Amino acid sequence: MTLAVGTRIDPPLAGASTTNGTTGRAVTLAYEVAAATYDVNITPTAQPSGTFGEYWIGNKTVTGFTVYNDGAAGLAFTYSVTRY
């Protein structure tokens, strides 16, 4: 399934993964979107005790993105994707 630009993301794109530090963690979307014009919301799902660090999203494509953080690897998070 491919979504056209301007189409609401439905069903919602969401999931869970773990951090991998500055190496990054690649996330593959459940289906392809028409353009890489979306926001990614990240929520840590366990107490990181100050080790999550700052995080950023890179390498956005129509099929996925990469989550980077400057803290510890292996910390659990959930993500959701929204169109902007």
N, C-alpha and C. Protein backbone atom coordinates (compact mmCIF):
# COMPACT_ATOMS: atom_id res chain seq x y z
N MET A 1 0.84 -1.16 0.00
CA MET A 1 0.00 0.00 0.00
C MET A 1 0.89 1.24 0.00
N THR A 2 0.60 2.21 -0.82
CA THR A 2 1.29 3.49 -0.84
C THR A 2 0.27 4.59 -0.65
N LEU A 3 0.58 5.52 0.25
CA LEU A 3 -0.33 6.62 0.50
C LEU A 3 0.03 7.81 -0.36
N ALA A 4 -0.97 8.47 -0.91
CA ALA A 4 -0.75 9.69 -1.69
C ALA A 4 -0.45 10.85 -0.76
N VAL A 5 0.27 11.83 -1.26
CA VAL A 5 0.55 13.03 -0.48
C VAL A 5 -0.77 13.67 -0.07
N GLY A 6 -0.87 14.10 1.16
CA GLY A 6 -2.09 14.73 1.66
C GLY A 6 -3.09 13.74 2.24
N THR A 7 -2.80 12.46 2.13
CA THR A 7 -3.69 11.44 2.67
C THR A 7 -3.39 11.24 4.15
N ARG A 8 -4.42 11.12 4.93
CA ARG A 8 -4.26 10.84 6.35
C ARG A 8 -3.57 9.49 6.52
N ILE A 9 -2.67 9.39 7.48
CA ILE A 9 -1.99 8.13 7.74
C ILE A 9 -2.95 7.25 8.54
N ASP A 10 -3.51 6.27 7.87
CA ASP A 10 -4.50 5.41 8.48
C ASP A 10 -4.43 4.04 7.81
N PRO A 11 -4.15 2.96 8.46
CA PRO A 11 -4.02 2.89 9.90
C PRO A 11 -2.76 3.62 10.38
N PRO A 12 -2.77 4.03 11.64
CA PRO A 12 -1.62 4.76 12.17
C PRO A 12 -0.34 3.92 12.08
N LEU A 13 0.76 4.62 11.87
CA LEU A 13 2.06 3.96 11.86
C LEU A 13 2.67 4.14 13.24
N ALA A 14 2.88 3.03 13.92
CA ALA A 14 3.44 3.07 15.27
C ALA A 14 4.12 1.73 15.55
N GLY A 15 4.98 1.73 16.54
CA GLY A 15 5.66 0.50 16.89
C GLY A 15 6.60 0.71 18.06
N ALA A 16 7.49 -0.23 18.26
CA ALA A 16 8.44 -0.19 19.36
C ALA A 16 9.80 -0.67 18.89
N SER A 17 10.84 -0.17 19.55
CA SER A 17 12.19 -0.59 19.24
C SER A 17 13.09 -0.27 20.43
N THR A 18 14.39 -0.35 20.23
CA THR A 18 15.36 0.01 21.26
C THR A 18 16.41 0.93 20.66
N THR A 19 17.02 1.76 21.50
CA THR A 19 18.05 2.67 21.03
C THR A 19 19.33 1.92 20.68
N ASN A 20 20.15 2.58 19.87
CA ASN A 20 21.44 2.00 19.50
C ASN A 20 22.53 3.06 19.51
N GLY A 21 22.36 4.08 20.35
CA GLY A 21 23.35 5.14 20.48
C GLY A 21 23.51 5.92 19.18
N THR A 22 24.70 6.48 18.98
CA THR A 22 24.95 7.31 17.81
C THR A 22 25.08 6.49 16.52
N THR A 23 25.13 5.16 16.63
CA THR A 23 25.09 4.30 15.45
C THR A 23 23.71 4.37 14.81
N GLY A 24 22.69 4.53 15.63
CA GLY A 24 21.32 4.64 15.15
C GLY A 24 20.61 3.31 15.05
N ARG A 25 19.29 3.38 15.12
CA ARG A 25 18.42 2.21 14.97
C ARG A 25 17.49 2.46 13.81
N ALA A 26 17.63 1.68 12.75
CA ALA A 26 16.75 1.82 11.58
C ALA A 26 15.38 1.23 11.90
N VAL A 27 14.35 1.96 11.54
CA VAL A 27 12.97 1.52 11.73
C VAL A 27 12.31 1.47 10.36
N THR A 28 11.72 0.32 10.03
CA THR A 28 11.01 0.17 8.76
C THR A 28 9.52 0.34 9.02
N LEU A 29 8.89 1.22 8.24
CA LEU A 29 7.46 1.45 8.39
C LEU A 29 6.66 0.25 7.91
N ALA A 30 5.48 0.08 8.48
CA ALA A 30 4.62 -1.06 8.12
C ALA A 30 4.14 -0.98 6.68
N TYR A 31 4.05 0.23 6.14
CA TYR A 31 3.71 0.41 4.73
C TYR A 31 4.36 1.69 4.24
N GLU A 32 4.51 1.80 2.94
CA GLU A 32 5.18 2.94 2.32
C GLU A 32 4.25 4.14 2.29
N VAL A 33 4.80 5.31 2.63
CA VAL A 33 4.04 6.56 2.51
C VAL A 33 4.48 7.27 1.24
N ALA A 34 3.71 8.23 0.77
CA ALA A 34 3.99 8.86 -0.52
C ALA A 34 5.21 9.77 -0.49
N ALA A 35 5.49 10.38 0.66
CA ALA A 35 6.63 11.30 0.78
C ALA A 35 7.14 11.25 2.21
N ALA A 36 8.39 11.61 2.38
CA ALA A 36 9.01 11.58 3.70
C ALA A 36 8.71 12.86 4.48
N THR A 37 7.48 13.34 4.35
CA THR A 37 7.04 14.55 5.06
C THR A 37 6.17 14.13 6.23
N TYR A 38 6.80 13.60 7.24
CA TYR A 38 6.09 13.15 8.43
C TYR A 38 6.94 13.44 9.66
N ASP A 39 6.31 13.50 10.81
CA ASP A 39 6.99 13.65 12.09
C ASP A 39 7.04 12.30 12.77
N VAL A 40 8.08 12.10 13.55
CA VAL A 40 8.21 10.88 14.35
C VAL A 40 8.24 11.30 15.81
N ASN A 41 7.35 10.72 16.60
CA ASN A 41 7.29 10.98 18.03
C ASN A 41 7.87 9.79 18.77
N ILE A 42 8.82 10.04 19.67
CA ILE A 42 9.50 8.98 20.41
C ILE A 42 9.13 9.11 21.89
N THR A 43 8.81 7.99 22.52
CA THR A 43 8.52 7.96 23.95
C THR A 43 9.30 6.83 24.60
N PRO A 44 10.23 7.14 25.51
CA PRO A 44 10.90 6.06 26.25
C PRO A 44 9.85 5.28 27.05
N THR A 45 9.99 3.97 27.12
CA THR A 45 8.97 3.16 27.81
C THR A 45 9.44 2.58 29.12
N ALA A 46 10.65 2.95 29.53
CA ALA A 46 11.18 2.52 30.83
C ALA A 46 11.98 3.68 31.40
N GLN A 47 12.19 3.68 32.69
CA GLN A 47 12.96 4.73 33.34
C GLN A 47 14.41 4.67 32.83
N PRO A 48 14.85 5.66 32.06
CA PRO A 48 16.21 5.62 31.52
C PRO A 48 17.28 6.07 32.50
N SER A 49 16.87 6.58 33.67
CA SER A 49 17.81 7.02 34.71
C SER A 49 18.85 7.99 34.16
N GLY A 50 18.42 8.88 33.27
CA GLY A 50 19.32 9.89 32.73
C GLY A 50 20.25 9.39 31.64
N THR A 51 20.04 8.16 31.15
CA THR A 51 20.96 7.60 30.16
C THR A 51 20.43 7.63 28.73
N PHE A 52 19.21 8.14 28.51
CA PHE A 52 18.66 8.19 27.16
C PHE A 52 19.40 9.24 26.32
N GLY A 53 19.75 10.35 26.96
CA GLY A 53 20.43 11.43 26.25
C GLY A 53 19.50 12.14 25.30
N GLU A 54 20.08 12.96 24.46
CA GLU A 54 19.29 13.63 23.43
C GLU A 54 19.07 12.65 22.29
N TYR A 55 17.95 12.82 21.58
CA TYR A 55 17.69 11.93 20.45
C TYR A 55 17.27 12.76 19.24
N TRP A 56 17.45 12.19 18.08
CA TRP A 56 17.07 12.84 16.84
C TRP A 56 16.73 11.79 15.80
N ILE A 57 15.97 12.23 14.81
CA ILE A 57 15.53 11.35 13.72
C ILE A 57 16.29 11.74 12.46
N GLY A 58 16.80 10.76 11.77
CA GLY A 58 17.52 11.02 10.52
C GLY A 58 17.13 10.02 9.46
N ASN A 59 17.64 10.24 8.27
CA ASN A 59 17.45 9.30 7.15
C ASN A 59 15.98 8.98 6.88
N LYS A 60 15.10 9.98 6.98
CA LYS A 60 13.69 9.72 6.70
C LYS A 60 13.50 9.44 5.22
N THR A 61 12.79 8.36 4.93
CA THR A 61 12.43 7.99 3.57
C THR A 61 10.96 7.61 3.57
N VAL A 62 10.44 7.19 2.44
CA VAL A 62 9.05 6.76 2.36
C VAL A 62 8.84 5.39 3.01
N THR A 63 9.91 4.71 3.35
CA THR A 63 9.80 3.38 3.94
C THR A 63 10.32 3.29 5.37
N GLY A 64 10.88 4.37 5.90
CA GLY A 64 11.38 4.29 7.27
C GLY A 64 12.24 5.47 7.67
N PHE A 65 12.88 5.34 8.82
CA PHE A 65 13.70 6.40 9.40
C PHE A 65 14.70 5.76 10.36
N THR A 66 15.63 6.57 10.85
CA THR A 66 16.61 6.09 11.83
C THR A 66 16.52 6.96 13.08
N VAL A 67 16.52 6.31 14.24
CA VAL A 67 16.52 7.00 15.53
C VAL A 67 17.94 6.95 16.08
N TYR A 68 18.48 8.12 16.41
CA TYR A 68 19.80 8.23 17.02
C TYR A 68 19.65 8.79 18.42
N ASN A 69 20.54 8.43 19.31
CA ASN A 69 20.59 9.07 20.62
C ASN A 69 22.04 9.11 21.09
N ASP A 70 22.35 10.11 21.92
CA ASP A 70 23.73 10.23 22.40
C ASP A 70 23.90 9.63 23.78
N GLY A 71 22.92 8.82 24.19
CA GLY A 71 23.01 8.12 25.47
C GLY A 71 23.25 6.63 25.25
N ALA A 72 22.77 5.85 26.18
CA ALA A 72 23.00 4.41 26.17
C ALA A 72 22.21 3.71 25.06
N ALA A 73 22.75 2.58 24.64
CA ALA A 73 22.04 1.71 23.69
C ALA A 73 21.18 0.73 24.47
N GLY A 74 20.17 0.17 23.79
CA GLY A 74 19.33 -0.86 24.40
C GLY A 74 18.16 -0.36 25.21
N LEU A 75 17.88 0.95 25.16
CA LEU A 75 16.75 1.48 25.91
C LEU A 75 15.48 1.39 25.06
N ALA A 76 14.41 0.90 25.65
CA ALA A 76 13.16 0.69 24.93
C ALA A 76 12.42 2.00 24.69
N PHE A 77 11.80 2.10 23.50
CA PHE A 77 10.95 3.25 23.19
C PHE A 77 9.84 2.81 22.25
N THR A 78 8.78 3.61 22.24
CA THR A 78 7.74 3.45 21.24
C THR A 78 7.79 4.67 20.31
N TYR A 79 7.24 4.50 19.11
CA TYR A 79 7.23 5.61 18.17
C TYR A 79 5.86 5.66 17.49
N SER A 80 5.51 6.86 17.06
CA SER A 80 4.33 7.03 16.22
C SER A 80 4.70 8.04 15.14
N VAL A 81 4.09 7.89 13.98
CA VAL A 81 4.37 8.71 12.82
C VAL A 81 3.13 9.51 12.49
N THR A 82 3.28 10.81 12.32
CA THR A 82 2.18 11.66 11.92
C THR A 82 2.60 12.49 10.71
N ARG A 83 1.66 12.73 9.82
CA ARG A 83 1.93 13.52 8.62
C ARG A 83 1.90 15.00 8.97
N TYR A 84 2.79 15.78 8.34
CA TYR A 84 2.70 17.23 8.51
C TYR A 84 2.53 17.91 7.19
